Amino acid sequence: QVHLVESGGGLVQPGGSLRLTCSASGGFFDPSFMAWFRQTPGKGRDLVGAISWSTDSRYFGEDAKVRFIVSKDNAKDTVYLHIVDLKPEVTAVYYCNGGIGATILYPWGQGTRVTVSS
């Protein structure tokens, strides 16, 4: 089965930028789209943004256009989340997953934690 591994998180200062990476391996990987989610304590996962796997169409969650940019490398089965102008409210654990329509396809990875603090 497909395994998703997120990386690139850490402790960063406000105003900086960060690039998160999600790599897929194993199994048959052919989602309709790839998406990034974030989760804070006591809350569910919220959609940050998504990108079509076959085109460059992108979807952004509420307010996501301000700070989040989703990109991909189809040859590497990898999707990226660029976070710019980091602010404390961005602090969360970030996950990726692939889907078709409203269906999430793969087991969730461990996520990568982003902490924005001075």
C-alpha atoms as a PDB file:
ATOM      1  CA  GLN A   1       0.000   0.000   0.000  1.00  0.00           C
ATOM      2  CA  VAL A   2       1.005   3.612  -0.401  1.00  0.00           C
ATOM      3  CA  HIS A   3       2.922   5.190   2.444  1.00  0.00           C
ATOM      4  CA  LEU A   4       2.997   8.953   2.899  1.00  0.00           C
ATOM      5  CA  VAL A   5       5.857  10.632   4.724  1.00  0.00           C
ATOM      6  CA  GLU A   6       5.724  14.316   5.635  1.00  0.00           C
ATOM      7  CA  SER A   7       8.857  16.265   6.528  1.00  0.00           C
ATOM      8  CA  GLY A   8      10.272  19.756   6.770  1.00  0.00           C
ATOM      9  CA  GLY A   9       8.564  21.057   9.889  1.00  0.00           C
ATOM     10  CA  GLY A  10      10.264  22.591  12.884  1.00  0.00           C
ATOM     11  CA  LEU A  11      10.489  25.632  15.125  1.00  0.00           C
ATOM     12  CA  VAL A  12      10.598  28.815  13.078  1.00  0.00           C
ATOM     13  CA  GLN A  13      10.378  32.499  13.794  1.00  0.00           C
ATOM     14  CA  PRO A  14       7.473  34.691  12.681  1.00  0.00           C
ATOM     15  CA  GLY A  15       7.931  36.257   9.283  1.00  0.00           C
ATOM     16  CA  GLY A  16      10.020  33.429   7.899  1.00  0.00           C
ATOM     17  CA  SER A  17       9.109  30.780   5.356  1.00  0.00           C
ATOM     18  CA  LEU A  18       9.119  27.012   5.259  1.00  0.00           C
ATOM     19  CA  ARG A  19       8.722  24.235   2.720  1.00  0.00           C
ATOM     20  CA  LEU A  20       7.052  21.008   3.756  1.00  0.00           C
ATOM     21  CA  THR A  21       7.515  17.846   1.718  1.00  0.00           C
ATOM     22  CA  CYS A  22       5.211  14.873   1.304  1.00  0.00           C
ATOM     23  CA  SER A  23       6.654  11.806  -0.395  1.00  0.00           C
ATOM     24  CA  ALA A  24       4.624   8.788  -1.473  1.00  0.00           C
ATOM     25  CA  SER A  25       6.088   5.323  -1.835  1.00  0.00           C
ATOM     26  CA  GLY A  26       4.901   1.747  -2.299  1.00  0.00           C
ATOM     27  CA  GLY A  27       1.675   0.576  -3.861  1.00  0.00           C
ATOM     28  CA  PHE A  28      -0.118   2.054  -6.842  1.00  0.00           C
ATOM     29  CA  PHE A  29      -0.069   5.848  -6.606  1.00  0.00           C
ATOM     30  CA  ASP A  30      -2.527   7.632  -8.861  1.00  0.00           C
ATOM     31  CA  PRO A  31      -4.671  10.115  -6.973  1.00  0.00           C
ATOM     32  CA  SER A  32      -6.935  12.654  -8.625  1.00  0.00           C
ATOM     33  CA  PHE A  33      -5.504  15.282  -6.327  1.00  0.00           C
ATOM     34  CA  MET A  34      -3.059  15.699  -3.454  1.00  0.00           C
ATOM     35  CA  ALA A  35      -3.929  17.853  -0.484  1.00  0.00           C
ATOM     36  CA  TRP A  36      -2.407  19.299   2.657  1.00  0.00           C
ATOM     37  CA  PHE A  37      -4.237  19.431   5.962  1.00  0.00           C
ATOM     38  CA  ARG A  38      -3.380  20.873   9.331  1.00  0.00           C
ATOM     39  CA  GLN A  39      -4.461  19.888  12.804  1.00  0.00           C
ATOM     40  CA  THR A  40      -4.243  21.725  16.113  1.00  0.00           C
ATOM     41  CA  PRO A  41      -4.840  20.166  19.549  1.00  0.00           C
ATOM     42  CA  GLY A  42      -8.465  19.233  20.137  1.00  0.00           C
ATOM     43  CA  LYS A  43      -9.493  19.880  16.553  1.00  0.00           C
ATOM     44  CA  GLY A  44      -9.888  17.834  13.418  1.00  0.00           C
ATOM     45  CA  ARG A  45      -7.854  18.155  10.271  1.00  0.00           C
ATOM     46  CA  ASP A  46      -8.611  21.244   8.203  1.00  0.00           C
ATOM     47  CA  LEU A  47      -7.903  21.444   4.504  1.00  0.00           C
ATOM     48  CA  VAL A  48      -5.125  23.898   3.672  1.00  0.00           C
ATOM     49  CA  GLY A  49      -4.875  23.423  -0.064  1.00  0.00           C
ATOM     50  CA  ALA A  50      -4.894  20.875  -2.840  1.00  0.00           C
ATOM     51  CA  ILE A  51      -3.473  20.393  -6.316  1.00  0.00           C
ATOM     52  CA  SER A  52      -4.663  18.279  -9.199  1.00  0.00           C
ATOM     53  CA  TRP A  53      -2.266  15.406  -9.851  1.00  0.00           C
ATOM     54  CA  SER A  54      -2.793  15.562 -13.640  1.00  0.00           C
ATOM     55  CA  THR A  55      -3.006  19.342 -14.140  1.00  0.00           C
ATOM     56  CA  ASP A  56      -1.814  22.417 -12.258  1.00  0.00           C
ATOM     57  CA  SER A  57      -5.226  23.366 -10.920  1.00  0.00           C
ATOM     58  CA  ARG A  58      -5.073  24.364  -7.285  1.00  0.00           C
ATOM     59  CA  TYR A  59      -7.586  24.786  -4.499  1.00  0.00           C
ATOM     60  CA  PHE A  60      -6.963  26.809  -1.389  1.00  0.00           C
ATOM     61  CA  GLY A  61      -8.759  26.567   1.916  1.00  0.00           C
ATOM     62  CA  GLU A  62     -10.201  29.621   3.576  1.00  0.00           C
ATOM     63  CA  ASP A  63      -7.577  32.328   3.905  1.00  0.00           C
ATOM     64  CA  ALA A  64      -4.983  29.882   2.586  1.00  0.00           C
ATOM     65  CA  LYS A  65      -4.107  32.044  -0.415  1.00  0.00           C
ATOM     66  CA  VAL A  66      -2.451  34.459   1.922  1.00  0.00           C
ATOM     67  CA  ARG A  67       0.271  32.157   3.167  1.00  0.00           C
ATOM     68  CA  PHE A  68       0.163  28.695   1.537  1.00  0.00           C
ATOM     69  CA  ILE A  69       1.400  27.548  -1.873  1.00  0.00           C
ATOM     70  CA  VAL A  70       0.985  23.945  -3.017  1.00  0.00           C
ATOM     71  CA  SER A  71       3.286  22.511  -5.673  1.00  0.00           C
ATOM     72  CA  LYS A  72       4.227  19.042  -6.876  1.00  0.00           C
ATOM     73  CA  ASP A  73       6.762  16.885  -8.660  1.00  0.00           C
ATOM     74  CA  ASN A  74       4.911  14.096 -10.427  1.00  0.00           C
ATOM     75  CA  ALA A  75       8.111  12.266 -11.347  1.00  0.00           C
ATOM     76  CA  LYS A  76       9.011  11.960  -7.665  1.00  0.00           C
ATOM     77  CA  ASP A  77       5.472  11.303  -6.358  1.00  0.00           C
ATOM     78  CA  THR A  78       6.030  14.291  -4.111  1.00  0.00           C
ATOM     79  CA  VAL A  79       3.950  17.298  -3.149  1.00  0.00           C
ATOM     80  CA  TYR A  80       5.128  20.416  -1.369  1.00  0.00           C
ATOM     81  CA  LEU A  81       3.572  23.047   0.831  1.00  0.00           C
ATOM     82  CA  HIS A  82       5.311  26.381   0.907  1.00  0.00           C
ATOM     83  CA  ILE A  83       4.354  28.508   3.879  1.00  0.00           C
ATOM     84  CA  VAL A  84       5.361  32.143   3.679  1.00  0.00           C
ATOM     85  CA  ASP A  85       5.130  35.038   6.119  1.00  0.00           C
ATOM     86  CA  LEU A  86       4.819  32.624   9.013  1.00  0.00           C
ATOM     87  CA  LYS A  87       2.610  33.682  11.897  1.00  0.00           C
ATOM     88  CA  PRO A  88       1.894  31.943  15.240  1.00  0.00           C
ATOM     89  CA  GLU A  89      -1.584  30.890  14.067  1.00  0.00           C
ATOM     90  CA  VAL A  90       0.078  28.675  11.473  1.00  0.00           C
ATOM     91  CA  THR A  91       1.356  26.431  14.292  1.00  0.00           C
ATOM     92  CA  ALA A  92      -0.054  22.940  13.755  1.00  0.00           C
ATOM     93  CA  VAL A  93       0.772  19.415  12.635  1.00  0.00           C
ATOM     94  CA  TYR A  94       0.602  19.203   8.855  1.00  0.00           C
ATOM     95  CA  TYR A  95      -0.480  16.119   6.940  1.00  0.00           C
ATOM     96  CA  CYS A  96      -0.846  15.257   3.283  1.00  0.00           C
ATOM     97  CA  ASN A  97      -3.064  12.781   1.527  1.00  0.00           C
ATOM     98  CA  GLY A  98      -4.434  11.968  -1.883  1.00  0.00           C
ATOM     99  CA  GLY A  99      -7.986  11.599  -2.973  1.00  0.00           C
ATOM    100  CA  ILE A 100     -10.607  11.166  -5.641  1.00  0.00           C
ATOM    101  CA  GLY A 101     -13.729  13.278  -5.243  1.00  0.00           C
ATOM    102  CA  ALA A 102     -14.563  13.306  -1.544  1.00  0.00           C
ATOM    103  CA  THR A 103     -12.648  10.099  -0.809  1.00  0.00           C
ATOM    104  CA  ILE A 104      -9.266  10.101   0.904  1.00  0.00           C
ATOM    105  CA  LEU A 105      -7.242   7.249  -0.521  1.00  0.00           C
ATOM    106  CA  TYR A 106      -4.258   6.479   1.676  1.00  0.00           C
ATOM    107  CA  PRO A 107      -3.386   5.782   5.312  1.00  0.00           C
ATOM    108  CA  TRP A 108      -2.395   8.942   7.139  1.00  0.00           C
ATOM    109  CA  GLY A 109       1.286   9.535   7.762  1.00  0.00           C
ATOM    110  CA  GLN A 110       2.787  10.792  10.983  1.00  0.00           C
ATOM    111  CA  GLY A 111       2.580  14.428   9.934  1.00  0.00           C
ATOM    112  CA  THR A 112       5.184  17.114  10.435  1.00  0.00           C
ATOM    113  CA  ARG A 113       4.925  19.679  13.216  1.00  0.00           C
ATOM    114  CA  VAL A 114       5.323  23.380  12.505  1.00  0.00           C
ATOM    115  CA  THR A 115       5.767  25.712  15.462  1.00  0.00           C
ATOM    116  CA  VAL A 116       5.961  29.439  14.841  1.00  0.00           C
ATOM    117  CA  SER A 117       7.324  31.291  17.815  1.00  0.00           C
ATOM    118  CA  SER A 118       9.830  33.986  18.639  1.00  0.00           C
END
